[in-house]
C-alpha atoms as a PDB file:
ATOM      1  CA  UNK A   1      56.364  63.673-246.413  1.00  0.00           C
ATOM      2  CA  UNK A   2      55.748  67.195-246.342  1.00  0.00           C
ATOM      3  CA  UNK A   3      56.725  68.637-243.581  1.00  0.00           C
ATOM      4  CA  UNK A   4      52.772  69.451-242.536  1.00  0.00           C
ATOM      5  CA  UNK A   5      52.119  66.799-243.532  1.00  0.00           C
ATOM      6  CA  UNK A   6      54.038  64.682-240.907  1.00  0.00           C
ATOM      7  CA  UNK A   7      53.013  67.817-238.287  1.00  0.00           C
ATOM      8  CA  UNK A   8      49.477  66.167-239.227  1.00  0.00           C
ATOM      9  CA  UNK A   9      49.616  62.706-238.495  1.00  0.00           C
ATOM     10  CA  UNK A  10      51.462  63.406-235.269  1.00  0.00           C
ATOM     11  CA  UNK A  11      48.530  64.978-234.121  1.00  0.00           C
ATOM     12  CA  UNK A  12      46.492  62.739-235.049  1.00  0.00           C
ATOM     13  CA  UNK A  13      48.648  60.115-233.515  1.00  0.00           C
ATOM     14  CA  UNK A  14      48.256  62.306-230.677  1.00  0.00           C
ATOM     15  CA  UNK A  15      44.722  61.271-230.073  1.00  0.00           C
ATOM     16  CA  UNK A  16      45.405  57.860-228.649  1.00  0.00           C
ATOM     17  CA  UNK A  17      47.405  59.276-225.887  1.00  0.00           C
ATOM     18  CA  UNK A  18      44.871  59.539-222.889  1.00  0.00           C
ATOM     19  CA  UNK A  19      46.203  63.084-220.490  1.00  0.00           C
ATOM     20  CA  UNK A  20      45.194  62.819-216.436  1.00  0.00           C
ATOM     21  CA  UNK A  21      41.910  63.616-215.971  1.00  0.00           C
ATOM     22  CA  UNK A  22      40.645  62.443-219.165  1.00  0.00           C
ATOM     23  CA  UNK A  23      40.349  63.288-222.618  1.00  0.00           C
ATOM     24  CA  UNK A  24      43.251  63.174-225.215  1.00  0.00           C
ATOM     25  CA  UNK A  25      45.648  64.924-225.794  1.00  0.00           C
ATOM     26  CA  UNK A  26      45.473  65.891-229.183  1.00  0.00           C
ATOM     27  CA  UNK A  27      42.976  68.340-227.814  1.00  0.00           C
ATOM     28  CA  UNK A  28      44.569  69.699-224.741  1.00  0.00           C
ATOM     29  CA  UNK A  29      45.020  73.182-224.324  1.00  0.00           C
ATOM     30  CA  UNK A  30      48.882  72.607-222.682  1.00  0.00           C
ATOM     31  CA  UNK A  31      49.878  71.035-226.221  1.00  0.00           C
ATOM     32  CA  UNK A  32      52.383  73.830-228.419  1.00  0.00           C
ATOM     33  CA  UNK A  33      52.679  74.020-231.660  1.00  0.00           C
ATOM     34  CA  UNK A  34      53.858  71.059-233.513  1.00  0.00           C
ATOM     35  CA  UNK A  35      57.264  71.944-235.356  1.00  0.00           C
ATOM     36  CA  UNK A  36      58.910  69.749-238.181  1.00  0.00           C
ATOM     37  CA  UNK A  37      62.153  70.144-239.374  1.00  0.00           C
ATOM     38  CA  UNK A  38      64.058  68.054-241.680  1.00  0.00           C
ATOM     39  CA  UNK A  39      65.620  65.721-239.044  1.00  0.00           C
ATOM     40  CA  UNK A  40      63.392  66.185-236.018  1.00  0.00           C
ATOM     41  CA  UNK A  41      59.553  66.721-234.533  1.00  0.00           C
ATOM     42  CA  UNK A  42      59.347  68.634-231.599  1.00  0.00           C
ATOM     43  CA  UNK A  43      55.985  69.785-229.409  1.00  0.00           C
ATOM     44  CA  UNK A  44      55.340  70.481-225.846  1.00  0.00           C
ATOM     45  CA  UNK A  45      53.457  70.362-222.884  1.00  0.00           C
ATOM     46  CA  UNK A  46      52.255  72.928-220.357  1.00  0.00           C
ATOM     47  CA  UNK A  47      50.976  70.987-217.360  1.00  0.00           C
ATOM     48  CA  UNK A  48      50.154  73.107-213.988  1.00  0.00           C
ATOM     49  CA  UNK A  49      53.015  73.427-211.270  1.00  0.00           C
ATOM     50  CA  UNK A  50      53.421  70.228-209.485  1.00  0.00           C
ATOM     51  CA  UNK A  51      51.765  68.552-212.440  1.00  0.00           C
ATOM     52  CA  UNK A  52      54.943  67.478-213.958  1.00  0.00           C
ATOM     53  CA  UNK A  53      55.587  63.831-212.809  1.00  0.00           C
ATOM     54  CA  UNK A  54      51.843  62.858-213.098  1.00  0.00           C
ATOM     55  CA  UNK A  55      52.259  63.944-217.034  1.00  0.00           C
ATOM     56  CA  UNK A  56      55.483  61.980-216.776  1.00  0.00           C
ATOM     57  CA  UNK A  57      53.498  58.712-218.361  1.00  0.00           C
ATOM     58  CA  UNK A  58      51.834  60.360-221.161  1.00  0.00           C
ATOM     59  CA  UNK A  59      55.103  62.349-222.000  1.00  0.00           C
ATOM     60  CA  UNK A  60      56.599  59.118-222.443  1.00  0.00           C
ATOM     61  CA  UNK A  61      53.404  57.822-224.937  1.00  0.00           C
ATOM     62  CA  UNK A  62      53.358  61.076-226.754  1.00  0.00           C
ATOM     63  CA  UNK A  63      56.844  60.518-227.749  1.00  0.00           C
ATOM     64  CA  UNK A  64      56.677  56.652-228.585  1.00  0.00           C
ATOM     65  CA  UNK A  65      53.345  57.946-230.625  1.00  0.00           C
ATOM     66  CA  UNK A  66      54.881  60.306-232.718  1.00  0.00           C
ATOM     67  CA  UNK A  67      58.168  58.236-233.328  1.00  0.00           C
ATOM     68  CA  UNK A  68      55.883  55.987-234.936  1.00  0.00           C
ATOM     69  CA  UNK A  69      55.244  58.860-237.621  1.00  0.00           C
ATOM     70  CA  UNK A  70      57.847  60.655-237.799  1.00  0.00           C
ATOM     71  CA  UNK A  71      59.660  58.800-240.834  1.00  0.00           C
ATOM     72  CA  UNK A  72      62.935  58.223-238.651  1.00  0.00           C
ATOM     73  CA  UNK A  73      63.167  62.026-237.283  1.00  0.00           C
ATOM     74  CA  UNK A  74      63.735  62.380-233.636  1.00  0.00           C
ATOM     75  CA  UNK A  75      61.188  63.101-232.033  1.00  0.00           C
ATOM     76  CA  UNK A  76      61.796  66.103-229.193  1.00  0.00           C
ATOM     77  CA  UNK A  77      58.799  66.025-226.779  1.00  0.00           C
ATOM     78  CA  UNK A  78      59.680  68.468-223.509  1.00  0.00           C
ATOM     79  CA  UNK A  79      57.022  68.452-220.509  1.00  0.00           C
ATOM     80  CA  UNK A  80      57.018  72.182-219.250  1.00  0.00           C
ATOM     81  CA  UNK A  81      54.672  74.356-216.481  1.00  0.00           C
ATOM     82  CA  UNK A  82      55.827  77.899-217.204  1.00  0.00           C
ATOM     83  CA  UNK A  83      52.563  78.916-218.631  1.00  0.00           C
ATOM     84  CA  UNK A  84      50.377  77.618-215.598  1.00  0.00           C
ATOM     85  CA  UNK A  85      51.704  79.495-213.434  1.00  0.00           C
ATOM     86  CA  UNK A  86      48.365  82.415-213.640  1.00  0.00           C
ATOM     87  CA  UNK A  87      46.425  79.330-212.976  1.00  0.00           C
ATOM     88  CA  UNK A  88      47.126  77.957-209.798  1.00  0.00           C
ATOM     89  CA  UNK A  89      44.624  79.950-207.524  1.00  0.00           C
ATOM     90  CA  UNK A  90      47.790  81.321-204.996  1.00  0.00           C
ATOM     91  CA  UNK A  91      51.561  81.556-205.225  1.00  0.00           C
ATOM     92  CA  UNK A  92      53.187  78.664-204.909  1.00  0.00           C
ATOM     93  CA  UNK A  93      56.822  78.753-203.455  1.00  0.00           C
ATOM     94  CA  UNK A  94      59.392  79.256-206.691  1.00  0.00           C
ATOM     95  CA  UNK A  95      61.749  75.172-207.086  1.00  0.00           C
ATOM     96  CA  UNK A  96      65.192  75.421-206.967  1.00  0.00           C
ATOM     97  CA  UNK A  97      67.783  74.766-209.825  1.00  0.00           C
ATOM     98  CA  UNK A  98      67.680  70.674-210.590  1.00  0.00           C
ATOM     99  CA  UNK A  99      70.556  69.265-209.732  1.00  0.00           C
ATOM    100  CA  UNK A 100      73.721  69.928-211.492  1.00  0.00           C
ATOM    101  CA  UNK A 101      74.399  66.368-213.836  1.00  0.00           C
ATOM    102  CA  UNK A 102      77.480  65.234-215.218  1.00  0.00           C
ATOM    103  CA  UNK A 103      76.928  63.872-218.697  1.00  0.00           C
ATOM    104  CA  UNK A 104      77.667  60.410-220.004  1.00  0.00           C
ATOM    105  CA  UNK A 105      80.830  59.624-221.879  1.00  0.00           C
ATOM    106  CA  UNK A 106      81.974  63.686-220.791  1.00  0.00           C
ATOM    107  CA  UNK A 107      84.894  64.738-218.537  1.00  0.00           C
ATOM    108  CA  UNK A 108      84.683  67.735-218.441  1.00  0.00           C
ATOM    109  CA  UNK A 109      82.674  70.856-220.379  1.00  0.00           C
ATOM    110  CA  UNK A 110      83.953  73.695-221.261  1.00  0.00           C
ATOM    111  CA  UNK A 111      81.767  76.584-222.987  1.00  0.00           C
ATOM    112  CA  UNK A 112      82.592  79.739-224.756  1.00  0.00           C
ATOM    113  CA  UNK A 113      80.153  82.799-224.989  1.00  0.00           C
ATOM    114  CA  UNK A 114      79.838  86.107-225.562  1.00  0.00           C
ATOM    115  CA  UNK A 115      78.063  89.418-224.292  1.00  0.00           C
ATOM    116  CA  UNK A 116      76.731  89.420-227.451  1.00  0.00           C
ATOM    117  CA  UNK A 117      76.411  88.439-231.555  1.00  0.00           C
ATOM    118  CA  UNK A 118      79.211  88.910-233.894  1.00  0.00           C
ATOM    119  CA  UNK A 119      82.942  88.435-232.079  1.00  0.00           C
ATOM    120  CA  UNK A 120      83.384  85.356-233.847  1.00  0.00           C
ATOM    121  CA  UNK A 121      82.402  83.347-230.979  1.00  0.00           C
ATOM    122  CA  UNK A 122      81.697  79.918-233.367  1.00  0.00           C
ATOM    123  CA  UNK A 123      84.875  80.634-234.955  1.00  0.00           C
ATOM    124  CA  UNK A 124      86.533  80.919-231.759  1.00  0.00           C
ATOM    125  CA  UNK A 125      84.875  78.082-230.235  1.00  0.00           C
ATOM    126  CA  UNK A 126      85.627  75.750-233.684  1.00  0.00           C
ATOM    127  CA  UNK A 127      89.093  76.835-233.278  1.00  0.00           C
ATOM    128  CA  UNK A 128      89.380  75.992-229.217  1.00  0.00           C
ATOM    129  CA  UNK A 129      88.113  72.473-229.871  1.00  0.00           C
ATOM    130  CA  UNK A 130      90.969  71.253-232.623  1.00  0.00           C
ATOM    131  CA  UNK A 131      93.358  73.458-230.601  1.00  0.00           C
ATOM    132  CA  UNK A 132      92.504  70.838-227.452  1.00  0.00           C
ATOM    133  CA  UNK A 133      92.215  67.877-230.302  1.00  0.00           C
ATOM    134  CA  UNK A 134      95.717  68.457-231.398  1.00  0.00           C
ATOM    135  CA  UNK A 135      97.095  68.327-227.692  1.00  0.00           C
ATOM    136  CA  UNK A 136      95.935  65.083-227.645  1.00  0.00           C
ATOM    137  CA  UNK A 137      92.674  65.097-225.790  1.00  0.00           C
ATOM    138  CA  UNK A 138      89.747  63.147-227.000  1.00  0.00           C
ATOM    139  CA  UNK A 139      87.747  66.133-227.961  1.00  0.00           C
ATOM    140  CA  UNK A 140      83.491  66.299-228.804  1.00  0.00           C
ATOM    141  CA  UNK A 141      82.176  70.179-229.825  1.00  0.00           C
ATOM    142  CA  UNK A 142      77.971  70.469-228.807  1.00  0.00           C
ATOM    143  CA  UNK A 143      76.048  73.891-231.269  1.00  0.00           C
ATOM    144  CA  UNK A 144      74.279  75.219-228.675  1.00  0.00           C
ATOM    145  CA  UNK A 145      72.998  78.368-230.353  1.00  0.00           C
ATOM    146  CA  UNK A 146      69.636  76.943-231.339  1.00  0.00           C
ATOM    147  CA  UNK A 147      68.935  79.839-233.351  1.00  0.00           C
ATOM    148  CA  UNK A 148      71.672  80.003-235.320  1.00  0.00           C
ATOM    149  CA  UNK A 149      73.584  77.716-235.331  1.00  0.00           C
ATOM    150  CA  UNK A 150      77.166  78.153-237.475  1.00  0.00           C
ATOM    151  CA  UNK A 151      79.030  74.458-236.638  1.00  0.00           C
ATOM    152  CA  UNK A 152      77.812  72.858-239.814  1.00  0.00           C
ATOM    153  CA  UNK A 153      79.360  75.848-241.635  1.00  0.00           C
ATOM    154  CA  UNK A 154      82.610  75.608-239.639  1.00  0.00           C
ATOM    155  CA  UNK A 155      82.941  72.321-240.268  1.00  0.00           C
ATOM    156  CA  UNK A 156      81.436  71.312-243.223  1.00  0.00           C
ATOM    157  CA  UNK A 157      79.092  68.663-241.764  1.00  0.00           C
ATOM    158  CA  UNK A 158      76.499  67.105-244.786  1.00  0.00           C
ATOM    159  CA  UNK A 159      73.350  65.479-243.553  1.00  0.00           C
ATOM    160  CA  UNK A 160      71.996  64.654-240.716  1.00  0.00           C
ATOM    161  CA  UNK A 161      73.441  62.769-237.733  1.00  0.00           C
ATOM    162  CA  UNK A 162      72.141  59.026-237.714  1.00  0.00           C
ATOM    163  CA  UNK A 163      69.301  57.975-235.332  1.00  0.00           C
ATOM    164  CA  UNK A 164      70.492  54.761-233.668  1.00  0.00           C
ATOM    165  CA  UNK A 165      67.128  52.613-233.132  1.00  0.00           C
ATOM    166  CA  UNK A 166      66.722  53.323-229.175  1.00  0.00           C
ATOM    167  CA  UNK A 167      66.458  57.403-230.101  1.00  0.00           C
ATOM    168  CA  UNK A 168      70.192  58.162-229.209  1.00  0.00           C
ATOM    169  CA  UNK A 169      72.071  60.537-231.409  1.00  0.00           C
ATOM    170  CA  UNK A 170      75.273  59.328-233.104  1.00  0.00           C
ATOM    171  CA  UNK A 171      77.491  62.171-233.896  1.00  0.00           C
ATOM    172  CA  UNK A 172      79.084  63.471-236.335  1.00  0.00           C
ATOM    173  CA  UNK A 173      82.515  63.710-237.054  1.00  0.00           C
ATOM    174  CA  UNK A 174      85.000  66.089-238.819  1.00  0.00           C
ATOM    175  CA  UNK A 175      88.719  66.677-238.375  1.00  0.00           C
ATOM    176  CA  UNK A 176      88.837  64.367-235.376  1.00  0.00           C
ATOM    177  CA  UNK A 177      86.002  66.838-233.513  1.00  0.00           C
ATOM    178  CA  UNK A 178      82.718  64.693-232.375  1.00  0.00           C
ATOM    179  CA  UNK A 179      80.147  67.083-233.038  1.00  0.00           C
ATOM    180  CA  UNK A 180      76.553  68.180-232.573  1.00  0.00           C
ATOM    181  CA  UNK A 181      74.403  70.753-234.252  1.00  0.00           C
ATOM    182  CA  UNK A 182      70.425  71.345-234.709  1.00  0.00           C
ATOM    183  CA  UNK A 183      71.494  72.267-237.671  1.00  0.00           C
ATOM    184  CA  UNK A 184      72.147  68.948-239.153  1.00  0.00           C
ATOM    185  CA  UNK A 185      68.236  69.132-238.821  1.00  0.00           C
ATOM    186  CA  UNK A 186      67.400  71.848-240.435  1.00  0.00           C
ATOM    187  CA  UNK A 187      66.523  72.344-244.288  1.00  0.00           C
ATOM    188  CA  UNK A 188      68.524  75.515-245.790  1.00  0.00           C
ATOM    189  CA  UNK A 189      67.446  78.441-244.708  1.00  0.00           C
ATOM    190  CA  UNK A 190      65.169  77.313-242.034  1.00  0.00           C
ATOM    191  CA  UNK A 191      64.779  79.265-238.844  1.00  0.00           C
ATOM    192  CA  UNK A 192      64.236  77.866-235.683  1.00  0.00           C
ATOM    193  CA  UNK A 193      60.734  79.256-233.777  1.00  0.00           C
ATOM    194  CA  UNK A 194      60.527  77.323-230.587  1.00  0.00           C
ATOM    195  CA  UNK A 195      60.006  79.502-227.108  1.00  0.00           C
ATOM    196  CA  UNK A 196      62.208  79.220-224.723  1.00  0.00           C
ATOM    197  CA  UNK A 197      61.331  75.672-222.684  1.00  0.00           C
ATOM    198  CA  UNK A 198      61.235  73.917-226.012  1.00  0.00           C
ATOM    199  CA  UNK A 199      64.903  75.310-227.116  1.00  0.00           C
ATOM    200  CA  UNK A 200      65.960  74.271-223.038  1.00  0.00           C
ATOM    201  CA  UNK A 201      64.292  70.789-223.909  1.00  0.00           C
ATOM    202  CA  UNK A 202      66.316  70.591-227.669  1.00  0.00           C
ATOM    203  CA  UNK A 203      69.266  71.668-226.238  1.00  0.00           C
ATOM    204  CA  UNK A 204      69.516  69.243-223.372  1.00  0.00           C
ATOM    205  CA  UNK A 205      68.176  66.273-225.451  1.00  0.00           C
ATOM    206  CA  UNK A 206      71.683  67.180-227.927  1.00  0.00           C
ATOM    207  CA  UNK A 207      73.384  67.370-225.065  1.00  0.00           C
ATOM    208  CA  UNK A 208      72.677  64.230-223.154  1.00  0.00           C
ATOM    209  CA  UNK A 209      71.113  61.689-226.154  1.00  0.00           C
ATOM    210  CA  UNK A 210      73.790  62.383-227.707  1.00  0.00           C
ATOM    211  CA  UNK A 211      76.567  58.446-227.727  1.00  0.00           C
ATOM    212  CA  UNK A 212      79.430  61.349-227.357  1.00  0.00           C
ATOM    213  CA  UNK A 213      81.718  58.072-226.918  1.00  0.00           C
ATOM    214  CA  UNK A 214      84.410  58.941-224.032  1.00  0.00           C
ATOM    215  CA  UNK A 215      85.135  62.750-224.074  1.00  0.00           C
ATOM    216  CA  UNK A 216      87.968  64.238-221.873  1.00  0.00           C
ATOM    217  CA  UNK A 217      85.887  67.744-223.412  1.00  0.00           C
ATOM    218  CA  UNK A 218      82.934  68.697-224.565  1.00  0.00           C
ATOM    219  CA  UNK A 219      83.471  72.758-226.132  1.00  0.00           C
ATOM    220  CA  UNK A 220      80.082  74.073-225.968  1.00  0.00           C
ATOM    221  CA  UNK A 221      79.878  76.678-227.907  1.00  0.00           C
ATOM    222  CA  UNK A 222      76.486  79.313-226.783  1.00  0.00           C
ATOM    223  CA  UNK A 223      73.922  81.925-228.137  1.00  0.00           C
ATOM    224  CA  UNK A 224      75.578  85.134-227.623  1.00  0.00           C
ATOM    225  CA  UNK A 225      73.480  87.067-224.415  1.00  0.00           C
ATOM    226  CA  UNK A 226      72.064  86.077-221.693  1.00  0.00           C
ATOM    227  CA  UNK A 227      69.302  84.372-222.026  1.00  0.00           C
ATOM    228  CA  UNK A 228      67.517  81.116-221.334  1.00  0.00           C
ATOM    229  CA  UNK A 229      69.636  78.690-223.145  1.00  0.00           C
ATOM    230  CA  UNK A 230      73.141  79.606-220.557  1.00  0.00           C
ATOM    231  CA  UNK A 231      70.553  79.958-217.597  1.00  0.00           C
ATOM    232  CA  UNK A 232      69.612  76.115-218.495  1.00  0.00           C
ATOM    233  CA  UNK A 233      72.924  75.044-219.681  1.00  0.00           C
ATOM    234  CA  UNK A 234      74.754  75.909-216.576  1.00  0.00           C
ATOM    235  CA  UNK A 235      72.023  74.903-214.207  1.00  0.00           C
ATOM    236  CA  UNK A 236      71.997  71.637-215.606  1.00  0.00           C
ATOM    237  CA  UNK A 237      75.149  70.177-215.970  1.00  0.00           C
ATOM    238  CA  UNK A 238      78.351  70.645-214.304  1.00  0.00           C
ATOM    239  CA  UNK A 239      80.971  73.376-215.817  1.00  0.00           C
ATOM    240  CA  UNK A 240      84.504  73.895-215.912  1.00  0.00           C
ATOM    241  CA  UNK A 241      84.267  76.823-216.662  1.00  0.00           C
ATOM    242  CA  UNK A 242      83.238  79.423-219.864  1.00  0.00           C
ATOM    243  CA  UNK A 243      85.557  81.134-222.456  1.00  0.00           C
ATOM    244  CA  UNK A 244      84.164  84.259-223.341  1.00  0.00           C
ATOM    245  CA  UNK A 245      84.894  86.136-226.635  1.00  0.00           C
ATOM    246  CA  UNK A 246      85.341  89.637-227.175  1.00  0.00           C
ATOM    247  CA  UNK A 247      86.632  92.018-229.578  1.00  0.00           C
ATOM    248  CA  UNK A 248      88.491  94.965-228.350  1.00  0.00           C
ATOM    249  CA  UNK A 249      84.973  97.251-228.792  1.00  0.00           C
ATOM    250  CA  UNK A 250      83.618  98.872-225.985  1.00  0.00           C
ATOM    251  CA  UNK A 251      80.281  98.184-227.112  1.00  0.00           C
ATOM    252  CA  UNK A 252      81.211  94.154-227.345  1.00  0.00           C
ATOM    253  CA  UNK A 253      82.821  94.437-224.198  1.00  0.00           C
ATOM    254  CA  UNK A 254      79.619  96.288-222.838  1.00  0.00           C
ATOM    255  CA  UNK A 255      77.928  93.143-223.251  1.00  0.00           C
ATOM    256  CA  UNK A 256      81.194  90.462-222.261  1.00  0.00           C
ATOM    257  CA  UNK A 257      80.724  92.047-218.905  1.00  0.00           C
ATOM    258  CA  UNK A 258      77.593  91.496-218.912  1.00  0.00           C
ATOM    259  CA  UNK A 259      78.333  87.770-219.474  1.00  0.00           C
ATOM    260  CA  UNK A 260      80.638  87.228-217.062  1.00  0.00           C
ATOM    261  CA  UNK A 261      78.093  88.682-214.469  1.00  0.00           C
ATOM    262  CA  UNK A 262      75.705  86.368-215.519  1.00  0.00           C
ATOM    263  CA  UNK A 263      78.713  82.814-215.299  1.00  0.00           C
ATOM    264  CA  UNK A 264      79.574  84.585-212.130  1.00  0.00           C
ATOM    265  CA  UNK A 265      75.911  84.749-210.639  1.00  0.00           C
ATOM    266  CA  UNK A 266      75.600  81.253-211.738  1.00  0.00           C
ATOM    267  CA  UNK A 267      79.025  79.489-209.854  1.00  0.00           C
ATOM    268  CA  UNK A 268      80.329  79.337-212.947  1.00  0.00           C
ATOM    269  CA  UNK A 269      84.399  80.038-213.319  1.00  0.00           C
ATOM    270  CA  UNK A 270      85.699  82.340-215.732  1.00  0.00           C
ATOM    271  CA  UNK A 271      88.227  80.771-217.130  1.00  0.00           C
ATOM    272  CA  UNK A 272      89.221  84.045-219.161  1.00  0.00           C
ATOM    273  CA  UNK A 273      88.567  86.109-221.871  1.00  0.00           C
ATOM    274  CA  UNK A 274      90.057  86.277-225.823  1.00  0.00           C
ATOM    275  CA  UNK A 275      89.708  89.173-227.422  1.00  0.00           C
ATOM    276  CA  UNK A 276      89.278  88.488-230.743  1.00  0.00           C
ATOM    277  CA  UNK A 277      89.665  90.989-234.338  1.00  0.00           C
ATOM    278  CA  UNK A 278      92.426  91.892-232.135  1.00  0.00           C
ATOM    279  CA  UNK A 279      94.023  93.641-234.834  1.00  0.00           C
ATOM    280  CA  UNK A 280      95.289  93.626-238.669  1.00  0.00           C
ATOM    281  CA  UNK A 281      97.800  93.914-240.772  1.00  0.00           C
ATOM    282  CA  UNK A 282      97.942  94.688-243.756  1.00  0.00           C
ATOM    283  CA  UNK A 283      99.318  91.831-246.201  1.00  0.00           C
ATOM    284  CA  UNK A 284     100.920  94.435-248.854  1.00  0.00           C
ATOM    285  CA  UNK A 285     102.569  96.714-245.888  1.00  0.00           C
ATOM    286  CA  UNK A 286     103.691  94.483-242.736  1.00  0.00           C
ATOM    287  CA  UNK A 287     101.494  97.837-241.149  1.00  0.00           C
ATOM    288  CA  UNK A 288      99.128  97.161-237.905  1.00  0.00           C
ATOM    289  CA  UNK A 289      95.890  98.363-237.994  1.00  0.00           C
ATOM    290  CA  UNK A 290      94.338  98.382-234.837  1.00  0.00           C
ATOM    291  CA  UNK A 291      90.547  98.526-236.220  1.00  0.00           C
ATOM    292  CA  UNK A 292      88.363  97.771-233.411  1.00  0.00           C
ATOM    293  CA  UNK A 293      90.406  99.109-231.089  1.00  0.00           C
ATOM    294  CA  UNK A 294      92.945  97.573-228.625  1.00  0.00           C
ATOM    295  CA  UNK A 295      93.551  96.343-225.433  1.00  0.00           C
ATOM    296  CA  UNK A 296      90.345  96.387-224.429  1.00  0.00           C
ATOM    297  CA  UNK A 297      89.737  93.042-223.500  1.00  0.00           C
ATOM    298  CA  UNK A 298      93.169  92.308-221.389  1.00  0.00           C
ATOM    299  CA  UNK A 299      91.799  95.816-219.556  1.00  0.00           C
ATOM    300  CA  UNK A 300      88.626  94.192-218.738  1.00  0.00           C
ATOM    301  CA  UNK A 301      90.181  91.062-217.868  1.00  0.00           C
ATOM    302  CA  UNK A 302      92.398  92.625-214.960  1.00  0.00           C
ATOM    303  CA  UNK A 303      89.149  94.756-214.174  1.00  0.00           C
ATOM    304  CA  UNK A 304      87.582  91.855-213.081  1.00  0.00           C
ATOM    305  CA  UNK A 305      90.111  89.885-212.002  1.00  0.00           C
ATOM    306  CA  UNK A 306      89.546  86.626-214.716  1.00  0.00           C
ATOM    307  CA  UNK A 307      92.806  85.791-217.144  1.00  0.00           C
ATOM    308  CA  UNK A 308      93.108  86.984-220.141  1.00  0.00           C
ATOM    309  CA  UNK A 309      93.500  84.123-222.407  1.00  0.00           C
ATOM    310  CA  UNK A 310      95.163  85.737-225.104  1.00  0.00           C
ATOM    311  CA  UNK A 311      94.396  88.129-228.988  1.00  0.00           C
ATOM    312  CA  UNK A 312      93.271  86.681-231.908  1.00  0.00           C
ATOM    313  CA  UNK A 313      94.080  88.399-235.270  1.00  0.00           C
ATOM    314  CA  UNK A 314      91.735  89.240-237.714  1.00  0.00           C
ATOM    315  CA  UNK A 315      93.370  87.782-240.484  1.00  0.00           C
ATOM    316  CA  UNK A 316      91.622  86.893-243.711  1.00  0.00           C
ATOM    317  CA  UNK A 317      92.653  83.443-243.616  1.00  0.00           C
ATOM    318  CA  UNK A 318      90.234  82.860-240.599  1.00  0.00           C
ATOM    319  CA  UNK A 319      87.532  83.660-242.346  1.00  0.00           C
ATOM    320  CA  UNK A 320      88.137  81.988-245.628  1.00  0.00           C
ATOM    321  CA  UNK A 321      88.682  78.761-244.310  1.00  0.00           C
ATOM    322  CA  UNK A 322      85.858  79.292-241.602  1.00  0.00           C
ATOM    323  CA  UNK A 323      83.706  79.781-244.617  1.00  0.00           C
ATOM    324  CA  UNK A 324      85.017  76.391-246.491  1.00  0.00           C
ATOM    325  CA  UNK A 325      84.801  74.478-243.849  1.00  0.00           C
ATOM    326  CA  UNK A 326      87.487  74.202-243.166  1.00  0.00           C
ATOM    327  CA  UNK A 327      89.122  75.583-240.298  1.00  0.00           C
ATOM    328  CA  UNK A 328      93.310  76.909-239.896  1.00  0.00           C
ATOM    329  CA  UNK A 329      93.579  74.970-236.812  1.00  0.00           C
ATOM    330  CA  UNK A 330      93.122  71.724-238.694  1.00  0.00           C
ATOM    331  CA  UNK A 331      94.209  72.585-242.095  1.00  0.00           C
ATOM    332  CA  UNK A 332      97.249  74.592-241.216  1.00  0.00           C
ATOM    333  CA  UNK A 333      98.085  74.105-237.918  1.00  0.00           C
ATOM    334  CA  UNK A 334     101.528  74.892-237.676  1.00  0.00           C
ATOM    335  CA  UNK A 335     100.319  78.609-239.338  1.00  0.00           C
ATOM    336  CA  UNK A 336     100.350  81.927-237.570  1.00  0.00           C
ATOM    337  CA  UNK A 337      96.493  82.053-237.244  1.00  0.00           C
ATOM    338  CA  UNK A 338      95.882  78.469-235.711  1.00  0.00           C
ATOM    339  CA  UNK A 339      99.289  79.007-233.138  1.00  0.00           C
ATOM    340  CA  UNK A 340      97.008  81.647-231.817  1.00  0.00           C
ATOM    341  CA  UNK A 341      94.714  80.008-230.534  1.00  0.00           C
ATOM    342  CA  UNK A 342      96.670  76.527-229.951  1.00  0.00           C
ATOM    343  CA  UNK A 343      98.326  79.324-227.639  1.00  0.00           C
ATOM    344  CA  UNK A 344      95.019  79.691-225.739  1.00  0.00           C
ATOM    345  CA  UNK A 345      94.673  76.525-225.189  1.00  0.00           C
ATOM    346  CA  UNK A 346      98.240  75.374-224.062  1.00  0.00           C
ATOM    347  CA  UNK A 347      97.439  78.689-221.324  1.00  0.00           C
ATOM    348  CA  UNK A 348      94.144  76.666-220.597  1.00  0.00           C
ATOM    349  CA  UNK A 349      96.234  73.067-219.547  1.00  0.00           C
ATOM    350  CA  UNK A 350      98.460  74.824-217.840  1.00  0.00           C
ATOM    351  CA  UNK A 351      96.067  76.695-215.475  1.00  0.00           C
ATOM    352  CA  UNK A 352      93.479  73.816-215.919  1.00  0.00           C
ATOM    353  CA  UNK A 353      96.189  70.346-215.678  1.00  0.00           C
ATOM    354  CA  UNK A 354      92.560  68.270-214.718  1.00  0.00           C
ATOM    355  CA  UNK A 355      91.983  68.120-218.713  1.00  0.00           C
ATOM    356  CA  UNK A 356      94.681  66.112-219.130  1.00  0.00           C
ATOM    357  CA  UNK A 357      94.500  63.834-215.675  1.00  0.00           C
END
């Protein structure tokens, strides 16, 4: 059935869901657009502040009703009060951030972030995760970059993740990692056009409704910047800390500073800074070129008083293996490119021995 037909079927099913005060959810003004991908159905229910609990049963009924016509897709329903502040009549005290709760089956979470895109953050995240696995840790990776998911490409994932009868995802497995990404549920070139509340709800479900199966460390590949998804993650779950990725270029470092500032403001420890695309060595002459400058990330780490974790060179093999879905740490673990990533992992393990405990 085409996606448009499934969206219409879901809307029709929601006509049987009654909302507080009477009426059907299908005709409720706070019901968002119903978005259908090849692997998921997602929509949001916006309510007035303080009405979240009252709408809880309607949300559960909507989830069940939509699941019946979703043709095996995962149904994601978010309940938000973001759009209702103006209708509240008078200002209300802003609620504090939710209490951070551990993720079932995960001992430690390490986020990998950057201030801007294009610095190779996802490539670093995947190879660090593989580095943890190479050190004997049970490791997973979650693609939290919902608007630009890269993990399926980097790990060569094919097909959609399985969904159990109880609605829990079974993650993909690749090179010894357990992996989850919204990208596995999208058709080729399909954009994610979710507003912030829906995206953060989707992240919560990918994180908490996946059978991680007992991990020592879950690496979370954050989107670039300092937006809703980053803030939602750091408020929801306890993080061991975050690794920030930057190139040596001043523009990238400016934004890396902002990412570190956001994390510091939310109480997330900065595990350190990685300088990616640090330098290039010409294979024919052996001449080194500092294409984006050099040493900027090391200097930034010193300025911020955080560890400098290491340099990753600009090497064609890293690009080629990433594009092929065969990352260097998995396919050539003893090569110099992989050793750059593995040295960073060993530094993290040396400074945070609880990862092995």
